[in-house]
Amino acid sequence: MDHWVRLGDRFKAARATHEPKLTQEDVQRALDVSRATVQNIERGKPFSRPSPSHRAYARLVGWTDDSVDQVLAGGEPTRVTDADPAPIEQSAPVPDGLPLRIAEELATGQLLDTMVIRLPGGGQAVVVARGKEGGSPEEIQAALEAWRRAQPQLQEIEVRVDEPPESAA
């Protein structure tokens, strides 16, 4: 069985046995996603990697944060009540009002660096670079090296927007 289908089946089963029982509509409202997103997750639509919606769904049905990865690797999810108590990691608070997808991404992985890119008219774009959640030191180092290679390209954006536009001849 495909590992994404397996994950979808585990989500459906967890939703059905949740107390109180959850419908797809309940999941949709709780995660603030479309019904199609919930259906795609439960049908096992392949993704390149688990999405913030997968992780939020896992928390909704009472799984630990690493349960999605466990199921995709062929294991079973761990319910929060079955898990050993783990120390709470301190992280920067995520500002209110951000979309769930962004808030989830900001809350996971080791913070590598941030960058502010100035935009014309006084605007700005903020880039947050994070390493793989639970990544090994080698994986974190590889992510940091990739970030260092990407930075000059991002800095070019700021330089280009600060230059006066070329006049048409």
C-alpha atoms as a PDB file:
ATOM      1  CA  MET A   1       0.000   0.000   0.000  1.00  0.00           C
ATOM      2  CA  ASP A   2       1.246   3.500  -0.852  1.00  0.00           C
ATOM      3  CA  HIS A   3       2.509   5.327   2.239  1.00  0.00           C
ATOM      4  CA  TRP A   4       0.310   8.392   1.546  1.00  0.00           C
ATOM      5  CA  VAL A   5      -2.796   6.171   1.239  1.00  0.00           C
ATOM      6  CA  ARG A   6      -1.782   4.493   4.492  1.00  0.00           C
ATOM      7  CA  LEU A   7      -1.540   7.903   6.187  1.00  0.00           C
ATOM      8  CA  GLY A   8      -4.945   8.895   4.815  1.00  0.00           C
ATOM      9  CA  ASP A   9      -6.467   5.654   6.120  1.00  0.00           C
ATOM     10  CA  ARG A  10      -4.992   6.300   9.589  1.00  0.00           C
ATOM     11  CA  PHE A  11      -6.400   9.843   9.576  1.00  0.00           C
ATOM     12  CA  LYS A  12      -9.885   8.585   8.611  1.00  0.00           C
ATOM     13  CA  ALA A  13      -9.764   5.951  11.360  1.00  0.00           C
ATOM     14  CA  ALA A  14      -8.558   8.478  13.940  1.00  0.00           C
ATOM     15  CA  ARG A  15     -11.305  10.908  12.931  1.00  0.00           C
ATOM     16  CA  ALA A  16     -13.960   8.191  13.235  1.00  0.00           C
ATOM     17  CA  THR A  17     -12.776   7.039  16.674  1.00  0.00           C
ATOM     18  CA  HIS A  18     -12.110  10.524  18.044  1.00  0.00           C
ATOM     19  CA  GLU A  19     -14.249  11.539  21.030  1.00  0.00           C
ATOM     20  CA  PRO A  20     -16.356  13.310  20.075  1.00  0.00           C
ATOM     21  CA  LYS A  21     -16.493  11.785  16.593  1.00  0.00           C
ATOM     22  CA  LEU A  22     -15.266  14.196  13.899  1.00  0.00           C
ATOM     23  CA  THR A  23     -16.728  14.675  10.440  1.00  0.00           C
ATOM     24  CA  GLN A  24     -14.729  15.905   7.451  1.00  0.00           C
ATOM     25  CA  GLU A  25     -16.561  19.205   7.878  1.00  0.00           C
ATOM     26  CA  ASP A  26     -15.362  19.398  11.515  1.00  0.00           C
ATOM     27  CA  VAL A  27     -11.775  18.842  10.340  1.00  0.00           C
ATOM     28  CA  GLN A  28     -12.190  21.425   7.578  1.00  0.00           C
ATOM     29  CA  ARG A  29     -13.401  24.065  10.056  1.00  0.00           C
ATOM     30  CA  ALA A  30     -10.798  23.224  12.710  1.00  0.00           C
ATOM     31  CA  LEU A  31      -7.897  23.408  10.252  1.00  0.00           C
ATOM     32  CA  ASP A  32      -9.353  26.303   8.236  1.00  0.00           C
ATOM     33  CA  VAL A  33      -8.807  24.438   4.962  1.00  0.00           C
ATOM     34  CA  SER A  34     -11.058  23.480   2.065  1.00  0.00           C
ATOM     35  CA  ARG A  35     -13.090  20.303   2.047  1.00  0.00           C
ATOM     36  CA  ALA A  36     -11.018  19.205  -0.961  1.00  0.00           C
ATOM     37  CA  THR A  37      -7.854  19.466   1.158  1.00  0.00           C
ATOM     38  CA  VAL A  38      -9.339  17.180   3.824  1.00  0.00           C
ATOM     39  CA  GLN A  39     -10.536  14.748   1.142  1.00  0.00           C
ATOM     40  CA  ASN A  40      -7.136  14.744  -0.585  1.00  0.00           C
ATOM     41  CA  ILE A  41      -5.372  14.005   2.697  1.00  0.00           C
ATOM     42  CA  GLU A  42      -7.768  11.177   3.579  1.00  0.00           C
ATOM     43  CA  ARG A  43      -7.592   9.678   0.071  1.00  0.00           C
ATOM     44  CA  GLY A  44      -3.814   9.604   0.284  1.00  0.00           C
ATOM     45  CA  LYS A  45      -3.036  12.123  -2.425  1.00  0.00           C
ATOM     46  CA  PRO A  46       0.769  12.146  -2.745  1.00  0.00           C
ATOM     47  CA  PHE A  47       2.599  15.241  -1.538  1.00  0.00           C
ATOM     48  CA  SER A  48       6.297  16.023  -1.860  1.00  0.00           C
ATOM     49  CA  ARG A  49       6.450  16.192   1.940  1.00  0.00           C
ATOM     50  CA  PRO A  50       3.962  16.390   4.787  1.00  0.00           C
ATOM     51  CA  SER A  51       2.165  19.718   4.700  1.00  0.00           C
ATOM     52  CA  PRO A  52       1.248  21.959   7.635  1.00  0.00           C
ATOM     53  CA  SER A  53      -2.315  20.669   7.149  1.00  0.00           C
ATOM     54  CA  HIS A  54      -1.123  17.078   7.704  1.00  0.00           C
ATOM     55  CA  ARG A  55       0.573  18.120  10.939  1.00  0.00           C
ATOM     56  CA  ALA A  56      -2.418  20.157  12.110  1.00  0.00           C
ATOM     57  CA  TYR A  57      -4.717  17.201  11.340  1.00  0.00           C
ATOM     58  CA  ALA A  58      -2.442  14.970  13.428  1.00  0.00           C
ATOM     59  CA  ARG A  59      -2.664  17.330  16.402  1.00  0.00           C
ATOM     60  CA  LEU A  60      -6.436  17.569  15.974  1.00  0.00           C
ATOM     61  CA  VAL A  61      -6.858  13.788  16.342  1.00  0.00           C
ATOM     62  CA  GLY A  62      -4.455  13.655  19.299  1.00  0.00           C
ATOM     63  CA  TRP A  63      -1.264  12.423  17.659  1.00  0.00           C
ATOM     64  CA  THR A  64       2.245  13.520  18.561  1.00  0.00           C
ATOM     65  CA  ASP A  65       4.059  15.896  16.203  1.00  0.00           C
ATOM     66  CA  ASP A  66       6.210  13.128  14.719  1.00  0.00           C
ATOM     67  CA  SER A  67       3.309  10.728  14.054  1.00  0.00           C
ATOM     68  CA  VAL A  68       2.843  11.791  10.424  1.00  0.00           C
ATOM     69  CA  ASP A  69       6.476  10.899   9.695  1.00  0.00           C
ATOM     70  CA  GLN A  70       6.131   7.627  11.635  1.00  0.00           C
ATOM     71  CA  VAL A  71       3.125   6.529   9.552  1.00  0.00           C
ATOM     72  CA  LEU A  72       4.792   7.532   6.281  1.00  0.00           C
ATOM     73  CA  ALA A  73       7.789   5.417   7.317  1.00  0.00           C
ATOM     74  CA  GLY A  74       5.558   2.380   7.870  1.00  0.00           C
ATOM     75  CA  GLY A  75       4.947   2.723  11.593  1.00  0.00           C
ATOM     76  CA  GLU A  76       1.900   3.678  13.585  1.00  0.00           C
ATOM     77  CA  PRO A  77       0.945   7.083  14.982  1.00  0.00           C
ATOM     78  CA  THR A  78       1.596   7.819  18.638  1.00  0.00           C
ATOM     79  CA  ARG A  79      -1.235   9.318  20.617  1.00  0.00           C
ATOM     80  CA  VAL A  80      -0.250  12.222  22.821  1.00  0.00           C
ATOM     81  CA  THR A  81      -1.423  10.298  25.900  1.00  0.00           C
ATOM     82  CA  ASP A  82       0.812   7.331  24.948  1.00  0.00           C
ATOM     83  CA  ALA A  83       3.931   9.436  24.450  1.00  0.00           C
ATOM     84  CA  ASP A  84       6.582   9.983  27.064  1.00  0.00           C
ATOM     85  CA  PRO A  85       6.430  13.502  28.368  1.00  0.00           C
ATOM     86  CA  ALA A  86       8.996  15.535  26.493  1.00  0.00           C
ATOM     87  CA  PRO A  87      10.539  18.804  27.534  1.00  0.00           C
ATOM     88  CA  ILE A  88       8.804  21.787  26.017  1.00  0.00           C
ATOM     89  CA  GLU A  89      11.030  23.605  23.556  1.00  0.00           C
ATOM     90  CA  GLN A  90      11.006  27.354  23.741  1.00  0.00           C
ATOM     91  CA  SER A  91      10.455  29.092  20.448  1.00  0.00           C
ATOM     92  CA  ALA A  92       9.573  32.563  19.374  1.00  0.00           C
ATOM     93  CA  PRO A  93       5.848  33.263  19.456  1.00  0.00           C
ATOM     94  CA  VAL A  94       4.124  33.210  16.093  1.00  0.00           C
ATOM     95  CA  PRO A  95       2.235  36.456  15.424  1.00  0.00           C
ATOM     96  CA  ASP A  96      -1.558  36.231  15.342  1.00  0.00           C
ATOM     97  CA  GLY A  97      -3.295  36.721  12.030  1.00  0.00           C
ATOM     98  CA  LEU A  98      -0.905  34.662   9.915  1.00  0.00           C
ATOM     99  CA  PRO A  99      -2.391  31.930   7.740  1.00  0.00           C
ATOM    100  CA  LEU A 100      -2.241  28.507   9.397  1.00  0.00           C
ATOM    101  CA  ARG A 101       0.216  27.236   6.769  1.00  0.00           C
ATOM    102  CA  ILE A 102       2.673  30.062   7.489  1.00  0.00           C
ATOM    103  CA  ALA A 103       2.267  29.859  11.281  1.00  0.00           C
ATOM    104  CA  GLU A 104       2.929  26.111  11.127  1.00  0.00           C
ATOM    105  CA  GLU A 105       6.042  26.543   8.986  1.00  0.00           C
ATOM    106  CA  LEU A 106       7.368  29.243  11.325  1.00  0.00           C
ATOM    107  CA  ALA A 107       6.906  26.971  14.309  1.00  0.00           C
ATOM    108  CA  THR A 108       8.803  23.947  12.947  1.00  0.00           C
ATOM    109  CA  GLY A 109      12.469  23.236  12.360  1.00  0.00           C
ATOM    110  CA  GLN A 110      15.602  24.837  13.674  1.00  0.00           C
ATOM    111  CA  LEU A 111      15.869  28.552  12.903  1.00  0.00           C
ATOM    112  CA  LEU A 112      18.858  29.138  10.622  1.00  0.00           C
ATOM    113  CA  ASP A 113      18.554  32.809   9.702  1.00  0.00           C
ATOM    114  CA  THR A 114      16.207  35.563   8.589  1.00  0.00           C
ATOM    115  CA  MET A 115      16.413  38.233   5.942  1.00  0.00           C
ATOM    116  CA  VAL A 116      14.436  41.388   5.197  1.00  0.00           C
ATOM    117  CA  ILE A 117      14.216  42.460   1.559  1.00  0.00           C
ATOM    118  CA  ARG A 118      13.230  46.088   0.971  1.00  0.00           C
ATOM    119  CA  LEU A 119      10.579  46.561  -1.688  1.00  0.00           C
ATOM    120  CA  PRO A 120       9.733  49.660  -3.712  1.00  0.00           C
ATOM    121  CA  GLY A 121       7.394  52.069  -2.003  1.00  0.00           C
ATOM    122  CA  GLY A 122       8.664  51.193   1.453  1.00  0.00           C
ATOM    123  CA  GLY A 123       7.359  47.635   1.623  1.00  0.00           C
ATOM    124  CA  GLN A 124       9.372  44.650   2.701  1.00  0.00           C
ATOM    125  CA  ALA A 125       9.478  40.878   2.377  1.00  0.00           C
ATOM    126  CA  VAL A 126      10.661  38.744   5.265  1.00  0.00           C
ATOM    127  CA  VAL A 127      12.403  35.445   4.567  1.00  0.00           C
ATOM    128  CA  VAL A 128      12.797  32.901   7.365  1.00  0.00           C
ATOM    129  CA  ALA A 129      15.213  30.018   6.787  1.00  0.00           C
ATOM    130  CA  ARG A 130      14.644  26.923   8.902  1.00  0.00           C
ATOM    131  CA  GLY A 131      16.293  23.527   8.953  1.00  0.00           C
ATOM    132  CA  LYS A 132      14.521  20.188   8.778  1.00  0.00           C
ATOM    133  CA  GLU A 133      12.492  19.480  11.903  1.00  0.00           C
ATOM    134  CA  GLY A 134      14.413  16.934  13.955  1.00  0.00           C
ATOM    135  CA  GLY A 135      17.217  17.052  11.409  1.00  0.00           C
ATOM    136  CA  SER A 136      20.602  15.578  12.132  1.00  0.00           C
ATOM    137  CA  PRO A 137      23.567  17.938  12.491  1.00  0.00           C
ATOM    138  CA  GLU A 138      24.575  17.013   8.929  1.00  0.00           C
ATOM    139  CA  GLU A 139      21.097  17.840   7.578  1.00  0.00           C
ATOM    140  CA  ILE A 140      21.043  21.159   9.446  1.00  0.00           C
ATOM    141  CA  GLN A 141      24.517  21.975   8.095  1.00  0.00           C
ATOM    142  CA  ALA A 142      23.404  21.132   4.542  1.00  0.00           C
ATOM    143  CA  ALA A 143      20.346  23.384   4.936  1.00  0.00           C
ATOM    144  CA  LEU A 144      22.547  26.192   6.247  1.00  0.00           C
ATOM    145  CA  GLU A 145      24.902  25.853   3.266  1.00  0.00           C
ATOM    146  CA  ALA A 146      21.940  25.919   0.866  1.00  0.00           C
ATOM    147  CA  TRP A 147      20.664  29.063   2.607  1.00  0.00           C
ATOM    148  CA  ARG A 148      24.082  30.703   2.244  1.00  0.00           C
ATOM    149  CA  ARG A 149      24.015  29.971  -1.499  1.00  0.00           C
ATOM    150  CA  ALA A 150      20.494  31.405  -1.844  1.00  0.00           C
ATOM    151  CA  GLN A 151      21.171  34.632   0.071  1.00  0.00           C
ATOM    152  CA  PRO A 152      23.077  36.479  -2.684  1.00  0.00           C
ATOM    153  CA  GLN A 153      20.223  35.828  -5.115  1.00  0.00           C
ATOM    154  CA  LEU A 154      17.727  37.233  -2.626  1.00  0.00           C
ATOM    155  CA  GLN A 155      19.953  40.252  -1.963  1.00  0.00           C
ATOM    156  CA  GLU A 156      19.939  40.919  -5.715  1.00  0.00           C
ATOM    157  CA  ILE A 157      16.183  41.454  -5.524  1.00  0.00           C
ATOM    158  CA  GLU A 158      16.722  44.295  -3.060  1.00  0.00           C
ATOM    159  CA  VAL A 159      19.438  45.858  -5.223  1.00  0.00           C
ATOM    160  CA  ARG A 160      17.261  45.698  -8.350  1.00  0.00           C
ATOM    161  CA  VAL A 161      14.261  47.302  -6.710  1.00  0.00           C
ATOM    162  CA  ASP A 162      16.413  50.167  -5.373  1.00  0.00           C
ATOM    163  CA  GLU A 163      17.840  50.988  -8.793  1.00  0.00           C
ATOM    164  CA  PRO A 164      15.982  53.624 -10.792  1.00  0.00           C
ATOM    165  CA  PRO A 165      14.089  52.121 -13.717  1.00  0.00           C
ATOM    166  CA  GLU A 166      15.793  52.353 -17.090  1.00  0.00           C
ATOM    167  CA  SER A 167      14.110  54.957 -19.267  1.00  0.00           C
ATOM    168  CA  ALA A 168      12.770  53.811 -22.605  1.00  0.00           C
ATOM    169  CA  ALA A 169      14.721  55.262 -25.492  1.00  0.00           C
END
